[in-house]
Amino acid sequence: MSADDTAVSESRESRSAPGPGVPVGYRYRARDHYVVGREKIREFARAVQDHHPVHWSEDAGAEYGYGGLIAPLTFFSVPGFLAQSEMFASVMTGYDLSQIMQTDQVVRYYRPIRHTDALYFEVRLESFRRAFGGDLMGFRTLVTDRHDEPVLVSHTGIVGRTGVESNLADIGAGVLMHGFRPGGNESARPAPPPVTGDRWEELAVDAIPSAPLSRYTRAFETVAVGTELAPRTVRLTAGDLVNYAGVSGDPNPIHWSGEVAGLAELASPVAHGMLTIGIGAGFVTSWLGDPGGVREYAVRLTSPVHVTQEGAEVEYSGRVKTVDPVQRTATVALTARHGGRRIFGRATAVVRLR
């Protein structure tokens, strides 16, 4: 069963459960679009330590056939977080966004995100259940461009809590950026009406339109089951966490405040899940040669990365699990370890090969 099938199954099982203010299946269209900036792409690439030239050089982007810069694979999480935060502020009130933790991420890519793209976000609540003292929620996010063409579809699993202890909430409010938490009646305006029609089922199929691959993409003949990716060790510091929080717009203080992390019974701040996922994406694309060749990227988070004053190291490795000679694709199984523990559960990337 695929991750998407699992999400649908959970959705059906959860319809009778007490919901977070909206029913499972509810769709929310963000009020405004997001225009992708050239420097924002570079800032994000720096934050996830992705040094592929198509994220930095317009000439390289043109040489690869993109006409300019393209964004790293997980860049969508920046405007996606804004859209999801807007949904929580408008119709899913009661959750403290600084206490929300991500559990998994599955993304299907239709094309790369380019400089000057105008991105539109529609978020749907896919599943909801209460467990382990929190609310486990699954969201599907459809990202389209100014022509209403699909860019990607993302499934995100999170765990949230309502009724956060007052001392923790007060301290969290004291360290968050001013103006982050929407206030007054403005944030409670009715959600914009959804777009006409429902393209969710249409976009759930596996057949993703193919675009030409650049000559820099790894050749199919050089890949076989068992092929190993050269391992990479990444070092994270407290400064990296602060920088990622600022670039991504994710304000959760357990990622950069020792005081809040301690109150959450953590020995030290922990790295953002999307930071470790984003670094893993760059690990794959540096091996593949062309970020535009990634069709799907899926990660389940199992263990946090604790970043102490001495920093933290994350070791990435990968191995080709399957190859498809008809589609000329490969599935890469990823492993990420920190302190001897796996921080990724099941993690895979499906890539197109030249």
Protein backbone atom coordinates (compact mmCIF):
# COMPACT_ATOMS: atom_id res chain seq x y z
CA MET A 1 0.00 0.00 0.00
CA SER A 2 1.37 3.42 -0.96
CA ALA A 3 1.60 6.40 1.40
CA ASP A 4 -1.28 8.03 -0.48
CA ASP A 5 -3.45 4.90 -0.14
CA THR A 6 -2.68 4.85 3.57
CA ALA A 7 -3.76 8.50 3.89
CA VAL A 8 -7.06 7.73 2.13
CA SER A 9 -7.64 4.72 4.39
CA GLU A 10 -6.96 6.78 7.51
CA SER A 11 -9.28 9.48 6.17
CA ARG A 12 -12.17 7.03 5.89
CA GLU A 13 -11.55 5.61 9.34
CA SER A 14 -11.38 9.07 10.91
CA ARG A 15 -14.61 10.60 9.64
CA SER A 16 -16.49 9.68 12.81
CA ALA A 17 -13.78 10.96 15.15
CA PRO A 18 -14.10 14.33 16.89
CA GLY A 19 -12.50 16.71 14.43
CA PRO A 20 -10.32 19.82 14.82
CA GLY A 21 -13.20 22.18 13.99
CA VAL A 22 -13.49 21.12 10.34
CA PRO A 23 -14.51 17.79 8.78
CA VAL A 24 -12.08 15.42 7.13
CA GLY A 25 -12.11 16.30 3.44
CA TYR A 26 -12.35 20.06 4.07
CA ARG A 27 -10.47 22.09 1.45
CA TYR A 28 -8.94 25.51 2.03
CA ARG A 29 -7.66 27.78 -0.75
CA ALA A 30 -5.01 30.28 0.37
CA ARG A 31 -6.19 33.87 -0.11
CA ASP A 32 -3.18 35.00 -2.11
CA HIS A 33 -0.51 33.49 -4.33
CA TYR A 34 3.22 33.37 -3.67
CA VAL A 35 5.74 34.75 -6.17
CA VAL A 36 9.07 32.92 -6.13
CA GLY A 37 12.04 35.27 -5.84
CA ARG A 38 15.53 34.66 -7.14
CA GLU A 39 17.26 35.54 -3.86
CA LYS A 40 14.75 33.51 -1.85
CA ILE A 41 15.78 30.43 -3.86
CA ARG A 42 19.41 31.11 -3.02
CA GLU A 43 18.63 31.74 0.66
CA PHE A 44 16.76 28.47 0.88
CA ALA A 45 19.50 26.54 -0.95
CA ARG A 46 22.00 27.90 1.58
CA ALA A 47 19.74 26.94 4.49
CA VAL A 48 19.47 23.29 3.35
CA GLN A 49 23.15 23.18 2.30
CA ASP A 50 22.28 22.40 -1.32
CA HIS A 51 25.05 23.58 -3.62
CA HIS A 52 23.72 22.37 -6.98
CA PRO A 53 24.45 25.14 -9.51
CA VAL A 54 20.86 25.39 -10.83
CA HIS A 55 19.85 26.86 -7.46
CA TRP A 56 22.57 29.53 -7.57
CA SER A 57 23.44 30.45 -11.14
CA GLU A 58 21.00 31.69 -13.77
CA ASP A 59 23.47 30.65 -16.47
CA ALA A 60 23.54 27.12 -15.05
CA GLY A 61 19.74 27.03 -14.92
CA ALA A 62 19.62 28.05 -18.58
CA GLU A 63 22.24 25.46 -19.52
CA TYR A 64 20.15 22.75 -17.84
CA GLY A 65 17.14 23.85 -19.87
CA TYR A 66 15.18 25.74 -17.19
CA GLY A 67 15.72 29.27 -18.44
CA GLY A 68 17.01 30.42 -15.05
CA LEU A 69 17.12 29.39 -11.40
CA ILE A 70 15.02 26.51 -10.11
CA ALA A 71 14.30 25.91 -6.43
CA PRO A 72 15.50 23.00 -4.27
CA LEU A 73 12.99 20.15 -3.97
CA THR A 74 11.59 21.17 -0.58
CA PHE A 75 11.32 24.91 -1.29
CA PHE A 76 7.52 24.55 -1.53
CA SER A 77 7.46 24.18 2.27
CA VAL A 78 8.09 27.94 2.66
CA PRO A 79 4.85 29.19 1.03
CA GLY A 80 3.16 25.91 2.01
CA PHE A 81 3.71 26.70 5.68
CA LEU A 82 2.14 30.13 5.16
CA ALA A 83 -0.93 28.56 3.54
CA GLN A 84 -1.30 25.96 6.27
CA SER A 85 -0.82 28.59 9.01
CA GLU A 86 -3.55 30.68 7.39
CA MET A 87 -5.87 27.67 7.44
CA PHE A 88 -5.17 27.05 11.13
CA ALA A 89 -5.73 30.72 12.00
CA SER A 90 -8.98 30.92 10.02
CA VAL A 91 -10.76 27.60 10.55
CA MET A 92 -8.67 25.32 12.80
CA THR A 93 -8.22 27.59 15.80
CA GLY A 94 -7.12 26.23 19.17
CA TYR A 95 -3.76 24.82 18.13
CA ASP A 96 -0.48 26.41 19.17
CA LEU A 97 1.58 26.39 15.96
CA SER A 98 4.78 26.58 18.00
CA GLN A 99 3.94 23.12 19.39
CA ILE A 100 3.21 21.34 16.09
CA MET A 101 5.61 18.61 14.99
CA GLN A 102 5.92 16.99 11.56
CA THR A 103 5.90 13.20 11.20
CA ASP A 104 6.16 12.51 7.48
CA GLN A 105 6.30 14.06 4.03
CA VAL A 106 5.43 12.66 0.58
CA VAL A 107 5.78 14.85 -2.54
CA ARG A 108 4.93 14.12 -6.17
CA TYR A 109 6.60 16.51 -8.57
CA TYR A 110 5.13 17.57 -11.91
CA ARG A 111 7.83 20.11 -12.70
CA PRO A 112 10.47 22.16 -10.86
CA ILE A 113 9.60 25.45 -9.17
CA ARG A 114 11.16 28.29 -11.17
CA HIS A 115 12.15 31.85 -10.41
CA THR A 116 9.13 34.20 -11.00
CA ASP A 117 6.59 31.36 -10.61
CA ALA A 118 3.30 32.43 -9.03
CA LEU A 119 2.21 29.54 -6.81
CA TYR A 120 -1.34 28.89 -5.58
CA PHE A 121 -2.05 26.60 -2.63
CA GLU A 122 -5.08 24.51 -1.80
CA VAL A 123 -4.90 22.48 1.42
CA ARG A 124 -7.19 19.58 2.26
CA LEU A 125 -7.52 17.83 5.62
CA GLU A 126 -7.07 14.16 4.69
CA SER A 127 -7.15 12.41 8.06
CA PHE A 128 -7.57 13.05 11.76
CA ARG A 129 -7.24 10.89 14.87
CA ARG A 130 -6.34 11.37 18.50
CA ALA A 131 -3.43 9.38 19.89
CA PHE A 132 -0.45 9.68 22.25
CA GLY A 133 -1.84 12.83 23.86
CA GLY A 134 -2.08 14.76 20.60
CA ASP A 135 -4.02 15.10 17.36
CA LEU A 136 -2.50 13.29 14.38
CA MET A 137 -3.49 15.03 11.14
CA GLY A 138 -2.74 14.42 7.49
CA PHE A 139 -2.90 17.26 4.95
CA ARG A 140 -2.78 17.11 1.16
CA THR A 141 -1.57 20.29 -0.52
CA LEU A 142 -2.08 20.95 -4.22
CA VAL A 143 0.31 23.55 -5.69
CA THR A 144 -0.58 25.07 -9.05
CA ASP A 145 0.88 27.85 -11.18
CA ARG A 146 -0.73 30.99 -12.66
CA HIS A 147 -2.11 28.86 -15.52
CA ASP A 148 -3.79 26.48 -13.03
CA GLU A 149 -1.36 23.74 -14.04
CA PRO A 150 -0.07 21.37 -11.33
CA VAL A 151 3.43 21.93 -9.95
CA LEU A 152 3.37 19.35 -7.16
CA VAL A 153 1.12 17.49 -4.74
CA SER A 154 2.30 17.09 -1.16
CA HIS A 155 1.08 14.98 1.75
CA THR A 156 2.20 16.09 5.20
CA GLY A 157 1.61 14.35 8.52
CA ILE A 158 1.75 16.39 11.71
CA VAL A 159 0.91 16.02 15.38
CA GLY A 160 -0.61 19.01 17.16
CA ARG A 161 -1.84 19.79 20.63
CA THR A 162 -4.61 21.94 21.99
CA GLY A 163 -4.74 23.24 25.54
CA VAL A 164 -0.98 23.72 25.83
CA GLU A 165 0.18 24.38 29.40
CA SER A 166 0.03 28.10 30.09
CA ASN A 167 3.67 28.46 31.19
CA LEU A 168 4.91 26.78 28.00
CA ALA A 169 2.57 28.84 25.82
CA ASP A 170 3.60 32.08 27.56
CA ILE A 171 7.30 31.38 27.17
CA GLY A 172 6.76 30.39 23.55
CA ALA A 173 4.93 33.67 22.94
CA GLY A 174 7.80 35.55 24.54
CA VAL A 175 10.40 34.21 22.12
CA LEU A 176 8.38 34.24 18.89
CA MET A 177 8.71 37.04 16.36
CA HIS A 178 6.25 39.90 16.85
CA GLY A 179 3.25 39.62 14.60
CA PHE A 180 3.63 35.93 13.86
CA ARG A 181 0.43 34.88 15.59
CA PRO A 182 -2.50 36.45 13.75
CA GLY A 183 -4.85 38.34 16.00
CA GLY A 184 -8.24 40.03 15.98
CA ASN A 185 -11.10 39.22 13.64
CA GLU A 186 -9.03 39.65 10.49
CA SER A 187 -7.65 36.09 10.74
CA ALA A 188 -11.14 34.71 11.28
CA ARG A 189 -12.55 35.84 7.93
CA PRO A 190 -14.37 33.11 6.03
CA ALA A 191 -12.09 31.00 3.85
CA PRO A 192 -12.10 31.89 0.16
CA PRO A 193 -14.35 29.66 -1.94
CA PRO A 194 -12.57 26.61 -3.39
CA VAL A 195 -11.75 26.47 -7.07
CA THR A 196 -14.47 25.06 -9.34
CA GLY A 197 -14.26 21.29 -9.73
CA ASP A 198 -12.19 18.75 -7.89
CA ARG A 199 -8.88 17.70 -9.43
CA TRP A 200 -7.68 15.64 -6.47
CA GLU A 201 -8.54 12.27 -7.93
CA GLU A 202 -7.20 13.26 -11.33
CA LEU A 203 -3.86 14.22 -9.83
CA ALA A 204 -3.58 11.08 -7.71
CA VAL A 205 -2.60 8.91 -10.68
CA ASP A 206 0.99 7.72 -11.06
CA ALA A 207 1.41 8.92 -14.65
CA ILE A 208 3.26 12.20 -14.27
CA PRO A 209 3.87 14.18 -17.48
CA SER A 210 7.48 13.82 -18.56
CA ALA A 211 9.72 16.76 -19.41
CA PRO A 212 13.00 16.48 -21.35
CA LEU A 213 15.98 15.52 -19.20
CA SER A 214 19.22 17.46 -19.40
CA ARG A 215 22.47 15.87 -20.48
CA TYR A 216 23.66 16.21 -16.87
CA THR A 217 21.15 13.62 -15.61
CA ARG A 218 22.66 10.28 -14.64
CA ALA A 219 22.41 7.71 -17.43
CA PHE A 220 20.16 4.68 -16.91
CA GLU A 221 22.94 2.31 -18.02
CA THR A 222 25.13 3.41 -15.09
CA VAL A 223 22.55 2.40 -12.47
CA ALA A 224 21.61 -1.06 -11.19
CA VAL A 225 19.89 -2.54 -8.17
CA GLY A 226 22.38 -2.23 -5.33
CA THR A 227 24.17 0.84 -6.69
CA GLU A 228 25.25 2.91 -3.68
CA LEU A 229 25.31 6.66 -3.41
CA ALA A 230 28.51 8.15 -2.04
CA PRO A 231 27.74 8.89 1.65
CA ARG A 232 27.65 12.45 2.94
CA THR A 233 28.01 13.78 6.48
CA VAL A 234 26.38 17.12 7.25
CA ARG A 235 27.13 19.22 10.31
CA LEU A 236 24.40 21.32 11.90
CA THR A 237 24.91 24.11 14.43
CA ALA A 238 22.57 26.31 16.44
CA GLY A 239 23.13 28.99 13.80
CA ASP A 240 21.91 26.64 11.08
CA LEU A 241 18.67 26.08 13.01
CA VAL A 242 18.12 29.81 13.54
CA ASN A 243 18.83 30.50 9.88
CA TYR A 244 16.45 27.78 8.67
CA ALA A 245 13.72 29.02 11.02
CA GLY A 246 14.03 32.49 9.52
CA VAL A 247 14.24 31.42 5.88
CA SER A 248 11.43 28.86 6.11
CA GLY A 249 9.16 30.93 8.36
CA ASP A 250 8.75 28.02 10.79
CA PRO A 251 8.62 29.62 14.26
CA ASN A 252 8.56 26.53 16.49
CA PRO A 253 10.94 27.55 19.33
CA ILE A 254 11.90 23.98 20.27
CA HIS A 255 14.19 24.18 17.23
CA TRP A 256 16.27 27.09 18.50
CA SER A 257 15.38 27.94 22.11
CA GLY A 258 17.05 25.86 24.78
CA GLU A 259 14.54 27.10 27.37
CA VAL A 260 11.50 26.02 25.37
CA ALA A 261 13.16 22.74 24.37
CA GLY A 262 13.78 22.00 28.06
CA LEU A 263 10.15 22.68 28.95
CA ALA A 264 9.18 20.25 26.20
CA GLU A 265 11.42 17.68 27.96
CA LEU A 266 14.08 17.79 25.26
CA ALA A 267 17.76 17.77 26.17
CA SER A 268 18.51 20.43 23.54
CA PRO A 269 16.91 22.14 20.55
CA VAL A 270 16.12 19.72 17.73
CA ALA A 271 16.53 20.30 14.00
CA HIS A 272 13.43 20.99 11.91
CA GLY A 273 12.15 17.86 10.23
CA MET A 274 11.95 19.70 6.91
CA LEU A 275 15.58 20.79 7.32
CA THR A 276 16.83 17.21 7.50
CA ILE A 277 14.41 16.24 4.71
CA GLY A 278 15.65 19.13 2.57
CA ILE A 279 19.30 18.18 3.07
CA GLY A 280 18.39 14.61 2.11
CA ALA A 281 16.79 15.91 -1.09
CA GLY A 282 20.01 17.69 -2.04
CA PHE A 283 21.94 14.50 -1.30
CA VAL A 284 19.80 12.68 -3.89
CA THR A 285 19.88 15.40 -6.56
CA SER A 286 23.66 15.79 -6.36
CA TRP A 287 23.92 12.07 -7.21
CA LEU A 288 21.21 12.24 -9.88
CA GLY A 289 22.77 15.28 -11.55
CA ASP A 290 19.56 17.17 -12.31
CA PRO A 291 16.97 18.10 -9.64
CA GLY A 292 14.28 18.16 -12.34
CA GLY A 293 14.56 14.38 -12.66
CA VAL A 294 12.96 13.65 -9.27
CA ARG A 295 9.38 12.37 -9.57
CA GLU A 296 8.59 11.53 -5.95
CA TYR A 297 10.26 12.03 -2.58
CA ALA A 298 8.92 10.46 0.62
CA VAL A 299 10.28 10.53 4.18
CA ARG A 300 8.91 9.34 7.50
CA LEU A 301 10.59 10.96 10.49
CA THR A 302 11.37 8.62 13.38
CA SER A 303 13.95 10.29 15.62
CA PRO A 304 14.96 13.92 16.23
CA VAL A 305 18.37 15.45 15.64
CA HIS A 306 19.54 17.05 18.90
CA VAL A 307 21.75 20.06 18.22
CA THR A 308 23.88 20.89 21.25
CA GLN A 309 26.42 23.68 21.70
CA GLU A 310 28.92 21.36 20.00
CA GLY A 311 26.59 20.94 17.02
CA ALA A 312 25.37 17.69 15.50
CA GLU A 313 26.29 15.46 12.59
CA VAL A 314 23.85 13.68 10.28
CA GLU A 315 25.12 10.87 8.05
CA TYR A 316 23.27 10.33 4.76
CA SER A 317 23.59 7.23 2.61
CA GLY A 318 21.54 5.66 -0.16
CA ARG A 319 21.15 2.57 -2.28
CA VAL A 320 19.21 1.87 -5.48
CA LYS A 321 16.34 -0.39 -4.49
CA THR A 322 14.63 -1.00 -7.86
CA VAL A 323 14.98 -0.01 -11.50
CA ASP A 324 12.32 0.18 -14.22
CA PRO A 325 13.78 -0.26 -17.73
CA VAL A 326 10.49 0.66 -19.40
CA GLN A 327 10.06 3.98 -17.61
CA ARG A 328 13.82 4.42 -17.20
CA THR A 329 13.40 5.21 -13.52
CA ALA A 330 15.01 4.08 -10.29
CA THR A 331 13.86 4.04 -6.68
CA VAL A 332 16.52 5.07 -4.19
CA ALA A 333 16.23 4.04 -0.53
CA LEU A 334 17.72 6.68 1.79
CA THR A 335 19.16 6.35 5.26
CA ALA A 336 19.93 9.21 7.64
CA ARG A 337 21.56 8.64 11.03
CA HIS A 338 22.37 10.85 13.98
CA GLY A 339 24.11 9.62 17.12
CA GLY A 340 23.81 6.03 15.93
CA ARG A 341 20.02 6.28 15.48
CA ARG A 342 18.02 6.38 12.28
CA ILE A 343 16.24 9.71 11.94
CA PHE A 344 14.39 8.58 8.80
CA GLY A 345 12.08 5.60 8.87
CA ARG A 346 11.05 4.64 5.36
CA ALA A 347 12.62 7.15 2.97
CA THR A 348 12.64 6.83 -0.82
CA ALA A 349 13.10 8.91 -3.96
CA VAL A 350 11.84 7.94 -7.39
CA VAL A 351 14.06 9.45 -10.09
CA ARG A 352 14.09 9.57 -13.89
CA LEU A 353 17.29 8.59 -15.65
CA ARG A 354 18.62 9.65 -19.02
